[in-house]
């Protein structure tokens, strides 16, 4: 793998971060997790389930992006 390939991969990863709006997902996860600390949050189990599912999905996107970033960082080394 050449340095040009790595630069191309970095560019693609940056675009993915923008397309999937990873920064916004991090903020949304933080806000939704804050909701779960409210004692009344669990009173409406259906709404709680929706929020928990949303958190899980966003964390999955974030985890996958971070994994790709780590692999690319290791590749650069």
PDB file of N, CA and C in Angstrom:
ATOM      1  N   UNK A   1       0.854  -1.175   0.000  1.00  0.00           N
ATOM      2  CA  UNK A   1       0.000   0.000   0.000  1.00  0.00           C
ATOM      3  C   UNK A   1       0.898   1.235   0.000  1.00  0.00           C
ATOM      4  N   UNK A   2       0.582   2.152  -0.882  1.00  0.00           N
ATOM      5  CA  UNK A   2       1.403   3.357  -1.015  1.00  0.00           C
ATOM      6  C   UNK A   2       0.817   4.490  -0.173  1.00  0.00           C
ATOM      7  N   UNK A   3       1.604   5.543  -0.030  1.00  0.00           N
ATOM      8  CA  UNK A   3       1.124   6.700   0.726  1.00  0.00           C
ATOM      9  C   UNK A   3      -0.058   7.364   0.020  1.00  0.00           C
ATOM     10  N   UNK A   4      -0.088   7.259  -1.309  1.00  0.00           N
ATOM     11  CA  UNK A   4      -1.240   7.796  -2.044  1.00  0.00           C
ATOM     12  C   UNK A   4      -2.517   7.032  -1.709  1.00  0.00           C
ATOM     13  N   UNK A   5      -2.406   5.713  -1.567  1.00  0.00           N
ATOM     14  CA  UNK A   5      -3.565   4.913  -1.168  1.00  0.00           C
ATOM     15  C   UNK A   5      -4.063   5.330   0.218  1.00  0.00           C
ATOM     16  N   UNK A   6      -3.135   5.556   1.110  1.00  0.00           N
ATOM     17  CA  UNK A   6      -3.499   5.950   2.476  1.00  0.00           C
ATOM     18  C   UNK A   6      -4.172   7.322   2.462  1.00  0.00           C
ATOM     19  N   UNK A   7      -3.653   8.246   1.658  1.00  0.00           N
ATOM     20  CA  UNK A   7      -4.270   9.573   1.552  1.00  0.00           C
ATOM     21  C   UNK A   7      -5.693   9.455   1.015  1.00  0.00           C
ATOM     22  N   UNK A   8      -5.872   8.597   0.036  1.00  0.00           N
ATOM     23  CA  UNK A   8      -7.204   8.383  -0.531  1.00  0.00           C
ATOM     24  C   UNK A   8      -8.153   7.818   0.523  1.00  0.00           C
ATOM     25  N   UNK A   9      -7.668   6.865   1.292  1.00  0.00           N
ATOM     26  CA  UNK A   9      -8.493   6.286   2.346  1.00  0.00           C
ATOM     27  C   UNK A   9      -8.830   7.323   3.414  1.00  0.00           C
ATOM     28  N   UNK A  10      -7.872   8.177   3.755  1.00  0.00           N
ATOM     29  CA  UNK A  10      -8.130   9.247   4.720  1.00  0.00           C
ATOM     30  C   UNK A  10      -9.210  10.189   4.209  1.00  0.00           C
ATOM     31  N   UNK A  11      -9.130  10.523   2.942  1.00  0.00           N
ATOM     32  CA  UNK A  11     -10.132  11.398   2.333  1.00  0.00           C
ATOM     33  C   UNK A  11     -11.507  10.747   2.384  1.00  0.00           C
ATOM     34  N   UNK A  12     -11.564   9.482   2.058  1.00  0.00           N
ATOM     35  CA  UNK A  12     -12.847   8.761   2.088  1.00  0.00           C
ATOM     36  C   UNK A  12     -13.409   8.710   3.504  1.00  0.00           C
ATOM     37  N   UNK A  13     -12.527   8.466   4.466  1.00  0.00           N
ATOM     38  CA  UNK A  13     -12.986   8.378   5.849  1.00  0.00           C
ATOM     39  C   UNK A  13     -13.500   9.733   6.335  1.00  0.00           C
ATOM     40  N   UNK A  14     -12.834  10.801   5.946  1.00  0.00           N
ATOM     41  CA  UNK A  14     -13.308  12.145   6.291  1.00  0.00           C
ATOM     42  C   UNK A  14     -14.688  12.404   5.693  1.00  0.00           C
ATOM     43  N   UNK A  15     -14.881  11.976   4.454  1.00  0.00           N
ATOM     44  CA  UNK A  15     -16.183  12.145   3.804  1.00  0.00           C
ATOM     45  C   UNK A  15     -17.258  11.333   4.516  1.00  0.00           C
ATOM     46  N   UNK A  16     -16.895  10.123   4.929  1.00  0.00           N
ATOM     47  CA  UNK A  16     -17.856   9.295   5.663  1.00  0.00           C
ATOM     48  C   UNK A  16     -18.265   9.954   6.971  1.00  0.00           C
ATOM     49  N   UNK A  17     -17.303  10.565   7.633  1.00  0.00           N
ATOM     50  CA  UNK A  17     -17.605  11.263   8.880  1.00  0.00           C
ATOM     51  C   UNK A  17     -18.625  12.360   8.640  1.00  0.00           C
ATOM     52  N   UNK A  18     -18.479  13.059   7.526  1.00  0.00           N
ATOM     53  CA  UNK A  18     -19.411  14.131   7.189  1.00  0.00           C
ATOM     54  C   UNK A  18     -20.762  13.578   6.766  1.00  0.00           C
ATOM     55  N   UNK A  19     -20.737  12.575   5.915  1.00  0.00           N
ATOM     56  CA  UNK A  19     -21.987  11.998   5.410  1.00  0.00           C
ATOM     57  C   UNK A  19     -22.822  11.415   6.553  1.00  0.00           C
ATOM     58  N   UNK A  20     -22.167  10.666   7.429  1.00  0.00           N
ATOM     59  CA  UNK A  20     -22.884  10.019   8.525  1.00  0.00           C
ATOM     60  C   UNK A  20     -23.011  10.925   9.743  1.00  0.00           C
ATOM     61  N   UNK A  21     -22.420  12.112   9.675  1.00  0.00           N
ATOM     62  CA  UNK A  21     -22.499  13.131  10.717  1.00  0.00           C
ATOM     63  C   UNK A  21     -22.189  12.531  12.092  1.00  0.00           C
ATOM     64  N   UNK A  22     -20.988  12.005  12.200  1.00  0.00           N
ATOM     65  CA  UNK A  22     -20.553  11.319  13.414  1.00  0.00           C
ATOM     66  C   UNK A  22     -20.582  12.254  14.620  1.00  0.00           C
ATOM     67  N   UNK A  23     -20.142  13.497  14.437  1.00  0.00           N
ATOM     68  CA  UNK A  23     -20.139  14.452  15.554  1.00  0.00           C
ATOM     69  C   UNK A  23     -21.552  14.678  16.090  1.00  0.00           C
ATOM     70  N   UNK A  24     -22.512  14.817  15.204  1.00  0.00           N
ATOM     71  CA  UNK A  24     -23.907  15.020  15.630  1.00  0.00           C
ATOM     72  C   UNK A  24     -24.428  13.776  16.343  1.00  0.00           C
ATOM     73  N   UNK A  25     -24.043  12.607  15.855  1.00  0.00           N
ATOM     74  CA  UNK A  25     -24.483  11.368  16.500  1.00  0.00           C
ATOM     75  C   UNK A  25     -23.926  11.281  17.925  1.00  0.00           C
ATOM     76  N   UNK A  26     -22.685  11.721  18.122  1.00  0.00           N
ATOM     77  CA  UNK A  26     -22.100  11.719  19.465  1.00  0.00           C
ATOM     78  C   UNK A  26     -22.905  12.618  20.407  1.00  0.00           C
ATOM     79  N   UNK A  27     -23.281  13.775  19.914  1.00  0.00           N
ATOM     80  CA  UNK A  27     -24.070  14.712  20.725  1.00  0.00           C
ATOM     81  C   UNK A  27     -25.455  14.134  21.013  1.00  0.00           C
ATOM     82  N   UNK A  28     -26.076  13.551  19.992  1.00  0.00           N
ATOM     83  CA  UNK A  28     -27.406  12.965  20.164  1.00  0.00           C
ATOM     84  C   UNK A  28     -27.381  11.821  21.172  1.00  0.00           C
ATOM     85  N   UNK A  29     -26.362  10.987  21.108  1.00  0.00           N
ATOM     86  CA  UNK A  29     -26.235   9.876  22.062  1.00  0.00           C
ATOM     87  C   UNK A  29     -26.119  10.431  23.475  1.00  0.00           C
ATOM     88  N   UNK A  30     -25.287  11.444  23.626  1.00  0.00           N
ATOM     89  CA  UNK A  30     -25.110  12.057  24.941  1.00  0.00           C
ATOM     90  C   UNK A  30     -26.436  12.601  25.473  1.00  0.00           C
ATOM     91  N   UNK A  31     -27.178  13.294  24.624  1.00  0.00           N
ATOM     92  CA  UNK A  31     -28.474  13.854  25.034  1.00  0.00           C
ATOM     93  C   UNK A  31     -29.487  12.775  25.366  1.00  0.00           C
ATOM     94  N   UNK A  32     -29.517  11.732  24.549  1.00  0.00           N
ATOM     95  CA  UNK A  32     -30.480  10.651  24.796  1.00  0.00           C
ATOM     96  C   UNK A  32     -30.111   9.868  26.049  1.00  0.00           C
ATOM     97  N   UNK A  33     -28.810   9.678  26.286  1.00  0.00           N
ATOM     98  CA  UNK A  33     -28.399   8.979  27.501  1.00  0.00           C
ATOM     99  C   UNK A  33     -28.762   9.802  28.736  1.00  0.00           C
ATOM    100  N   UNK A  34     -28.697  11.123  28.615  1.00  0.00           N
ATOM    101  CA  UNK A  34     -29.095  11.998  29.712  1.00  0.00           C
ATOM    102  C   UNK A  34     -30.566  11.790  30.056  1.00  0.00           C
ATOM    103  N   UNK A  35     -31.393  11.569  29.037  1.00  0.00           N
ATOM    104  CA  UNK A  35     -32.819  11.331  29.267  1.00  0.00           C
ATOM    105  C   UNK A  35     -33.044  10.096  30.130  1.00  0.00           C
ATOM    106  N   UNK A  36     -32.187   9.106  29.967  1.00  0.00           N
ATOM    107  CA  UNK A  36     -32.382   7.849  30.699  1.00  0.00           C
ATOM    108  C   UNK A  36     -32.143   8.009  32.193  1.00  0.00           C
ATOM    109  N   UNK A  37     -31.485   9.100  32.608  1.00  0.00           N
ATOM    110  CA  UNK A  37     -31.240   9.332  34.031  1.00  0.00           C
ATOM    111  C   UNK A  37     -32.461   9.881  34.742  1.00  0.00           C
ATOM    112  N   UNK A  38     -33.423  10.358  33.987  1.00  0.00           N
ATOM    113  CA  UNK A  38     -34.655  10.882  34.571  1.00  0.00           C
ATOM    114  C   UNK A  38     -35.453   9.707  35.156  1.00  0.00           C
ATOM    115  N   UNK A  39     -35.817   9.795  36.438  1.00  0.00           N
ATOM    116  CA  UNK A  39     -36.559   8.685  37.071  1.00  0.00           C
ATOM    117  C   UNK A  39     -37.867   8.345  36.360  1.00  0.00           C
ATOM    118  N   UNK A  40     -38.474   9.325  35.699  1.00  0.00           N
ATOM    119  CA  UNK A  40     -39.741   9.083  35.007  1.00  0.00           C
ATOM    120  C   UNK A  40     -39.547   8.493  33.609  1.00  0.00           C
ATOM    121  N   UNK A  41     -38.315   8.434  33.162  1.00  0.00           N
ATOM    122  CA  UNK A  41     -38.028   7.929  31.818  1.00  0.00           C
ATOM    123  C   UNK A  41     -38.586   6.523  31.621  1.00  0.00           C
ATOM    124  N   UNK A  42     -38.441   5.695  32.605  1.00  0.00           N
ATOM    125  CA  UNK A  42     -38.820   4.288  32.469  1.00  0.00           C
ATOM    126  C   UNK A  42     -40.311   4.048  32.686  1.00  0.00           C
ATOM    127  N   UNK A  43     -41.054   5.093  33.034  1.00  0.00           N
ATOM    128  CA  UNK A  43     -42.500   4.942  33.236  1.00  0.00           C
ATOM    129  C   UNK A  43     -43.220   4.605  31.935  1.00  0.00           C
ATOM    130  N   UNK A  44     -42.756   5.149  30.831  1.00  0.00           N
ATOM    131  CA  UNK A  44     -43.329   4.856  29.513  1.00  0.00           C
ATOM    132  C   UNK A  44     -42.383   3.885  28.811  1.00  0.00           C
ATOM    133  N   UNK A  45     -42.668   2.613  28.969  1.00  0.00           N
ATOM    134  CA  UNK A  45     -41.735   1.590  28.479  1.00  0.00           C
ATOM    135  C   UNK A  45     -41.575   1.610  26.957  1.00  0.00           C
ATOM    136  N   UNK A  46     -42.638   1.931  26.238  1.00  0.00           N
ATOM    137  CA  UNK A  46     -42.535   1.964  24.776  1.00  0.00           C
ATOM    138  C   UNK A  46     -41.625   3.100  24.326  1.00  0.00           C
ATOM    139  N   UNK A  47     -41.786   4.267  24.919  1.00  0.00           N
ATOM    140  CA  UNK A  47     -40.928   5.403  24.564  1.00  0.00           C
ATOM    141  C   UNK A  47     -39.485   5.127  24.997  1.00  0.00           C
ATOM    142  N   UNK A  48     -39.324   4.522  26.158  1.00  0.00           N
ATOM    143  CA  UNK A  48     -37.979   4.184  26.643  1.00  0.00           C
ATOM    144  C   UNK A  48     -37.302   3.211  25.680  1.00  0.00           C
ATOM    145  N   UNK A  49     -38.060   2.258  25.185  1.00  0.00           N
ATOM    146  CA  UNK A  49     -37.519   1.289  24.236  1.00  0.00           C
ATOM    147  C   UNK A  49     -37.076   1.974  22.944  1.00  0.00           C
ATOM    148  N   UNK A  50     -37.846   2.940  22.478  1.00  0.00           N
ATOM    149  CA  UNK A  50     -37.501   3.676  21.254  1.00  0.00           C
ATOM    150  C   UNK A  50     -36.201   4.443  21.450  1.00  0.00           C
ATOM    151  N   UNK A  51     -36.075   5.107  22.591  1.00  0.00           N
ATOM    152  CA  UNK A  51     -34.864   5.885  22.869  1.00  0.00           C
ATOM    153  C   UNK A  51     -33.657   4.956  22.989  1.00  0.00           C
ATOM    154  N   UNK A  52     -33.812   3.853  23.683  1.00  0.00           N
ATOM    155  CA  UNK A  52     -32.704   2.914  23.860  1.00  0.00           C
ATOM    156  C   UNK A  52     -32.269   2.321  22.517  1.00  0.00           C
ATOM    157  N   UNK A  53     -33.232   2.037  21.655  1.00  0.00           N
ATOM    158  CA  UNK A  53     -32.912   1.514  20.328  1.00  0.00           C
ATOM    159  C   UNK A  53     -32.160   2.569  19.517  1.00  0.00           C
ATOM    160  N   UNK A  54     -32.588   3.805  19.620  1.00  0.00           N
ATOM    161  CA  UNK A  54     -31.928   4.904  18.920  1.00  0.00           C
ATOM    162  C   UNK A  54     -30.483   5.053  19.391  1.00  0.00           C
ATOM    163  N   UNK A  55     -30.280   4.983  20.693  1.00  0.00           N
ATOM    164  CA  UNK A  55     -28.921   5.073  21.254  1.00  0.00           C
ATOM    165  C   UNK A  55     -28.057   3.937  20.716  1.00  0.00           C
ATOM    166  N   UNK A  56     -28.601   2.743  20.724  1.00  0.00           N
ATOM    167  CA  UNK A  56     -27.853   1.563  20.267  1.00  0.00           C
ATOM    168  C   UNK A  56     -27.460   1.703  18.799  1.00  0.00           C
ATOM    169  N   UNK A  57     -28.379   2.162  17.961  1.00  0.00           N
ATOM    170  CA  UNK A  57     -28.092   2.312  16.529  1.00  0.00           C
ATOM    171  C   UNK A  57     -27.007   3.352  16.293  1.00  0.00           C
ATOM    172  N   UNK A  58     -27.121   4.478  16.975  1.00  0.00           N
ATOM    173  CA  UNK A  58     -26.127   5.541  16.804  1.00  0.00           C
ATOM    174  C   UNK A  58     -24.760   5.102  17.309  1.00  0.00           C
ATOM    175  N   UNK A  59     -24.740   4.403  18.432  1.00  0.00           N
ATOM    176  CA  UNK A  59     -23.468   3.906  18.959  1.00  0.00           C
ATOM    177  C   UNK A  59     -22.834   2.914  17.992  1.00  0.00           C
ATOM    178  N   UNK A  60     -23.641   2.148  17.299  1.00  0.00           N
ATOM    179  CA  UNK A  60     -23.128   1.205  16.318  1.00  0.00           C
ATOM    180  C   UNK A  60     -22.433   1.942  15.176  1.00  0.00           C
ATOM    181  N   UNK A  61     -23.063   3.012  14.660  1.00  0.00           N
ATOM    182  CA  UNK A  61     -22.448   3.823  13.605  1.00  0.00           C
ATOM    183  C   UNK A  61     -21.126   4.418  14.082  1.00  0.00           C
ATOM    184  N   UNK A  62     -21.140   4.954  15.300  1.00  0.00           N
ATOM    185  CA  UNK A  62     -19.946   5.573  15.864  1.00  0.00           C
ATOM    186  C   UNK A  62     -18.841   4.537  16.035  1.00  0.00           C
ATOM    187  N   UNK A  63     -19.203   3.369  16.546  1.00  0.00           N
ATOM    188  CA  UNK A  63     -18.220   2.300  16.762  1.00  0.00           C
ATOM    189  C   UNK A  63     -17.602   1.862  15.439  1.00  0.00           C
ATOM    190  N   UNK A  64     -18.426   1.684  14.423  1.00  0.00           N
ATOM    191  CA  UNK A  64     -17.915   1.263  13.119  1.00  0.00           C
ATOM    192  C   UNK A  64     -16.989   2.308  12.521  1.00  0.00           C
ATOM    193  N   UNK A  65     -17.361   3.586  12.645  1.00  0.00           N
ATOM    194  CA  UNK A  65     -16.498   4.656  12.139  1.00  0.00           C
ATOM    195  C   UNK A  65     -15.170   4.666  12.893  1.00  0.00           C
ATOM    196  N   UNK A  66     -15.236   4.561  14.214  1.00  0.00           N
ATOM    197  CA  UNK A  66     -14.011   4.565  15.014  1.00  0.00           C
ATOM    198  C   UNK A  66     -13.123   3.365  14.695  1.00  0.00           C
ATOM    199  N   UNK A  67     -13.720   2.225  14.426  1.00  0.00           N
ATOM    200  CA  UNK A  67     -12.947   1.043  14.037  1.00  0.00           C
ATOM    201  C   UNK A  67     -12.207   1.291  12.729  1.00  0.00           C
ATOM    202  N   UNK A  68     -12.902   1.885  11.766  1.00  0.00           N
ATOM    203  CA  UNK A  68     -12.262   2.196  10.485  1.00  0.00           C
ATOM    204  C   UNK A  68     -11.123   3.184  10.688  1.00  0.00           C
ATOM    205  N   UNK A  69     -11.329   4.160  11.558  1.00  0.00           N
ATOM    206  CA  UNK A  69     -10.296   5.157  11.850  1.00  0.00           C
ATOM    207  C   UNK A  69      -9.076   4.496  12.484  1.00  0.00           C
ATOM    208  N   UNK A  70      -9.304   3.592  13.408  1.00  0.00           N
ATOM    209  CA  UNK A  70      -8.207   2.878  14.064  1.00  0.00           C
ATOM    210  C   UNK A  70      -7.437   2.039  13.055  1.00  0.00           C
ATOM    211  N   UNK A  71      -8.156   1.322  12.190  1.00  0.00           N
ATOM    212  CA  UNK A  71      -7.491   0.500  11.179  1.00  0.00           C
ATOM    213  C   UNK A  71      -6.638   1.363  10.249  1.00  0.00           C
ATOM    214  N   UNK A  72      -7.158   2.517   9.886  1.00  0.00           N
ATOM    215  CA  UNK A  72      -6.414   3.411   9.011  1.00  0.00           C
ATOM    216  C   UNK A  72      -5.198   3.982   9.725  1.00  0.00           C
ATOM    217  N   UNK A  73      -5.357   4.330  10.985  1.00  0.00           N
ATOM    218  CA  UNK A  73      -4.215   4.817  11.773  1.00  0.00           C
ATOM    219  C   UNK A  73      -3.122   3.752  11.861  1.00  0.00           C
ATOM    220  N   UNK A  74      -3.520   2.505  12.075  1.00  0.00           N
ATOM    221  CA  UNK A  74      -2.553   1.411  12.137  1.00  0.00           C
ATOM    222  C   UNK A  74      -1.886   1.185  10.794  1.00  0.00           C
ATOM    223  N   UNK A  75      -2.641   1.351   9.742  1.00  0.00           N
ATOM    224  CA  UNK A  75      -2.098   1.191   8.401  1.00  0.00           C
ATOM    225  C   UNK A  75      -1.032   2.247   8.117  1.00  0.00           C
ATOM    226  N   UNK A  76      -1.259   3.454   8.596  1.00  0.00           N
ATOM    227  CA  UNK A  76      -0.297   4.528   8.390  1.00  0.00           C
ATOM    228  C   UNK A  76       1.019   4.238   9.094  1.00  0.00           C
ATOM    229  N   UNK A  77       0.954   3.567  10.255  1.00  0.00           N
ATOM    230  CA  UNK A  77       2.171   3.232  10.989  1.00  0.00           C
ATOM    231  C   UNK A  77       2.924   2.170  10.236  1.00  0.00           C
TER     232      UNK A  77
END
